[in-house]
Amino acid sequence: MNAPSRQELALMLVWAFRDQKVESAYDPHADALTLYHNVMALPVEEAAAVISCARSGNIPPSDPLMLARWTRGVCLLREIIQQPMCELSIARPERESPAATAA
């Protein structure tokens, strides 16, 4: 699956935070909730910029500092979304060979 473009991601963020009100919804849409949790994984300043801009629909923001934080936040969010899920497996310790224990 291809990662969404920055513009597509911006529209999805506005949908989740402004239209779906994911932060306060009783039973939020699963996609909005997924976006919310991934935004919460961003550094604090970038997350705050993404949330603020998405809530207001101010995409992209006109303030240069907010624009820098927004842009970095969206880029980081795209990287997070592109990562595959971790596959965990239970690993057992290897048994030591008799030669290793004799030494």
C-alpha atoms as a PDB file:
ATOM      1  CA  MET A   1       0.000   0.000   0.000  1.00  0.00           C
ATOM      2  CA  ASN A   2       1.308   3.433  -0.917  1.00  0.00           C
ATOM      3  CA  ALA A   3       1.509   6.081   1.744  1.00  0.00           C
ATOM      4  CA  PRO A   4      -0.869   8.995   1.247  1.00  0.00           C
ATOM      5  CA  SER A   5       0.576  12.194  -0.179  1.00  0.00           C
ATOM      6  CA  ARG A   6       1.039  15.100   2.208  1.00  0.00           C
ATOM      7  CA  GLN A   7      -2.080  16.739   0.775  1.00  0.00           C
ATOM      8  CA  GLU A   8      -4.134  13.562   1.195  1.00  0.00           C
ATOM      9  CA  LEU A   9      -2.836  13.149   4.738  1.00  0.00           C
ATOM     10  CA  ALA A  10      -3.702  16.779   5.506  1.00  0.00           C
ATOM     11  CA  LEU A  11      -7.275  16.201   4.318  1.00  0.00           C
ATOM     12  CA  MET A  12      -7.525  13.023   6.397  1.00  0.00           C
ATOM     13  CA  LEU A  13      -6.263  14.886   9.477  1.00  0.00           C
ATOM     14  CA  VAL A  14      -8.863  17.639   9.025  1.00  0.00           C
ATOM     15  CA  TRP A  15     -11.513  14.956   8.594  1.00  0.00           C
ATOM     16  CA  ALA A  16     -10.411  13.155  11.784  1.00  0.00           C
ATOM     17  CA  PHE A  17      -9.885  16.156  14.065  1.00  0.00           C
ATOM     18  CA  ARG A  18     -12.414  18.713  12.786  1.00  0.00           C
ATOM     19  CA  ASP A  19     -15.149  16.699  11.119  1.00  0.00           C
ATOM     20  CA  GLN A  20     -15.099  13.502  13.185  1.00  0.00           C
ATOM     21  CA  LYS A  21     -13.983  15.257  16.413  1.00  0.00           C
ATOM     22  CA  VAL A  22     -11.902  12.177  17.199  1.00  0.00           C
ATOM     23  CA  GLU A  23     -10.672  13.605  20.515  1.00  0.00           C
ATOM     24  CA  SER A  24     -14.142  13.806  22.042  1.00  0.00           C
ATOM     25  CA  ALA A  25     -16.275  11.426  19.970  1.00  0.00           C
ATOM     26  CA  TYR A  26     -18.054   8.678  21.884  1.00  0.00           C
ATOM     27  CA  ASP A  27     -17.391   6.043  19.222  1.00  0.00           C
ATOM     28  CA  PRO A  28     -14.911   7.529  16.717  1.00  0.00           C
ATOM     29  CA  HIS A  29     -14.376   6.089  13.269  1.00  0.00           C
ATOM     30  CA  ALA A  30     -11.557   3.506  13.322  1.00  0.00           C
ATOM     31  CA  ASP A  31      -9.478   5.415  10.734  1.00  0.00           C
ATOM     32  CA  ALA A  32      -9.823   8.656  12.679  1.00  0.00           C
ATOM     33  CA  LEU A  33      -8.754   6.865  15.851  1.00  0.00           C
ATOM     34  CA  THR A  34      -5.737   5.366  14.080  1.00  0.00           C
ATOM     35  CA  LEU A  35      -4.686   8.825  12.892  1.00  0.00           C
ATOM     36  CA  TYR A  36      -5.191  10.212  16.397  1.00  0.00           C
ATOM     37  CA  HIS A  37      -2.952   7.603  18.017  1.00  0.00           C
ATOM     38  CA  ASN A  38      -0.241   8.100  15.406  1.00  0.00           C
ATOM     39  CA  VAL A  39      -0.343  11.876  15.855  1.00  0.00           C
ATOM     40  CA  MET A  40       0.052  11.331  19.605  1.00  0.00           C
ATOM     41  CA  ALA A  41       3.298   9.455  18.838  1.00  0.00           C
ATOM     42  CA  LEU A  42       4.829  12.585  17.262  1.00  0.00           C
ATOM     43  CA  PRO A  43       7.120  14.927  19.187  1.00  0.00           C
ATOM     44  CA  VAL A  44       5.055  17.288  21.350  1.00  0.00           C
ATOM     45  CA  GLU A  45       5.480  20.488  19.311  1.00  0.00           C
ATOM     46  CA  GLU A  46       4.747  18.763  16.004  1.00  0.00           C
ATOM     47  CA  ALA A  47       1.727  16.953  17.436  1.00  0.00           C
ATOM     48  CA  ALA A  48       0.376  20.224  18.822  1.00  0.00           C
ATOM     49  CA  ALA A  49       0.800  21.937  15.444  1.00  0.00           C
ATOM     50  CA  VAL A  50      -0.839  19.081  13.541  1.00  0.00           C
ATOM     51  CA  ILE A  51      -3.788  18.957  15.941  1.00  0.00           C
ATOM     52  CA  SER A  52      -4.278  22.726  16.014  1.00  0.00           C
ATOM     53  CA  CYS A  53      -4.162  23.075  12.235  1.00  0.00           C
ATOM     54  CA  ALA A  54      -6.334  20.017  11.629  1.00  0.00           C
ATOM     55  CA  ARG A  55      -8.970  21.168  14.122  1.00  0.00           C
ATOM     56  CA  SER A  56      -9.231  24.560  12.446  1.00  0.00           C
ATOM     57  CA  GLY A  57      -8.774  23.348   8.876  1.00  0.00           C
ATOM     58  CA  ASN A  58      -5.928  25.842   8.525  1.00  0.00           C
ATOM     59  CA  ILE A  59      -3.898  23.725   6.111  1.00  0.00           C
ATOM     60  CA  PRO A  60      -1.146  24.756   5.544  1.00  0.00           C
ATOM     61  CA  PRO A  61      -0.771  27.365   8.266  1.00  0.00           C
ATOM     62  CA  SER A  62       0.402  30.850   7.339  1.00  0.00           C
ATOM     63  CA  ASP A  63       2.590  31.373  10.415  1.00  0.00           C
ATOM     64  CA  PRO A  64       6.193  30.357   9.451  1.00  0.00           C
ATOM     65  CA  LEU A  65       6.976  28.600  12.742  1.00  0.00           C
ATOM     66  CA  MET A  66       3.655  26.749  12.743  1.00  0.00           C
ATOM     67  CA  LEU A  67       4.209  25.840   9.080  1.00  0.00           C
ATOM     68  CA  ALA A  68       7.624  24.356   9.912  1.00  0.00           C
ATOM     69  CA  ARG A  69       6.180  22.292  12.780  1.00  0.00           C
ATOM     70  CA  TRP A  70       3.177  21.249  10.675  1.00  0.00           C
ATOM     71  CA  THR A  71       5.391  20.176   7.765  1.00  0.00           C
ATOM     72  CA  ARG A  72       7.761  18.213  10.000  1.00  0.00           C
ATOM     73  CA  GLY A  73       4.824  16.616  11.807  1.00  0.00           C
ATOM     74  CA  VAL A  74       3.132  15.515   8.581  1.00  0.00           C
ATOM     75  CA  CYS A  75       6.412  14.144   7.210  1.00  0.00           C
ATOM     76  CA  LEU A  76       7.027  12.181  10.411  1.00  0.00           C
ATOM     77  CA  LEU A  77       3.447  10.960  10.388  1.00  0.00           C
ATOM     78  CA  ARG A  78       3.841   9.688   6.824  1.00  0.00           C
ATOM     79  CA  GLU A  79       6.950   7.767   7.908  1.00  0.00           C
ATOM     80  CA  ILE A  80       5.095   6.237  10.857  1.00  0.00           C
ATOM     81  CA  ILE A  81       2.181   5.189   8.659  1.00  0.00           C
ATOM     82  CA  GLN A  82       4.517   3.539   6.128  1.00  0.00           C
ATOM     83  CA  GLN A  83       6.141   1.280   8.725  1.00  0.00           C
ATOM     84  CA  PRO A  84       5.030  -2.341   8.731  1.00  0.00           C
ATOM     85  CA  MET A  85       3.615  -3.767  11.898  1.00  0.00           C
ATOM     86  CA  CYS A  86       6.167  -5.447  14.110  1.00  0.00           C
ATOM     87  CA  GLU A  87       6.186  -9.196  14.001  1.00  0.00           C
ATOM     88  CA  LEU A  88       7.019 -10.592  17.378  1.00  0.00           C
ATOM     89  CA  SER A  89       8.009 -14.159  18.035  1.00  0.00           C
ATOM     90  CA  ILE A  90       9.007 -15.928  21.187  1.00  0.00           C
ATOM     91  CA  ALA A  91      12.659 -16.789  21.001  1.00  0.00           C
ATOM     92  CA  ARG A  92      14.133 -19.454  23.191  1.00  0.00           C
ATOM     93  CA  PRO A  93      17.717 -19.125  24.317  1.00  0.00           C
ATOM     94  CA  GLU A  94      20.109 -21.269  22.387  1.00  0.00           C
ATOM     95  CA  ARG A  95      21.508 -24.159  24.306  1.00  0.00           C
ATOM     96  CA  GLU A  96      25.176 -23.913  24.921  1.00  0.00           C
ATOM     97  CA  SER A  97      27.248 -26.523  23.143  1.00  0.00           C
ATOM     98  CA  PRO A  98      29.109 -29.014  25.376  1.00  0.00           C
ATOM     99  CA  ALA A  99      32.421 -27.627  24.109  1.00  0.00           C
ATOM    100  CA  ALA A 100      31.501 -24.117  25.269  1.00  0.00           C
ATOM    101  CA  THR A 101      30.635 -25.289  28.773  1.00  0.00           C
ATOM    102  CA  ALA A 102      33.806 -27.376  29.088  1.00  0.00           C
ATOM    103  CA  ALA A 103      36.076 -24.419  28.433  1.00  0.00           C
END
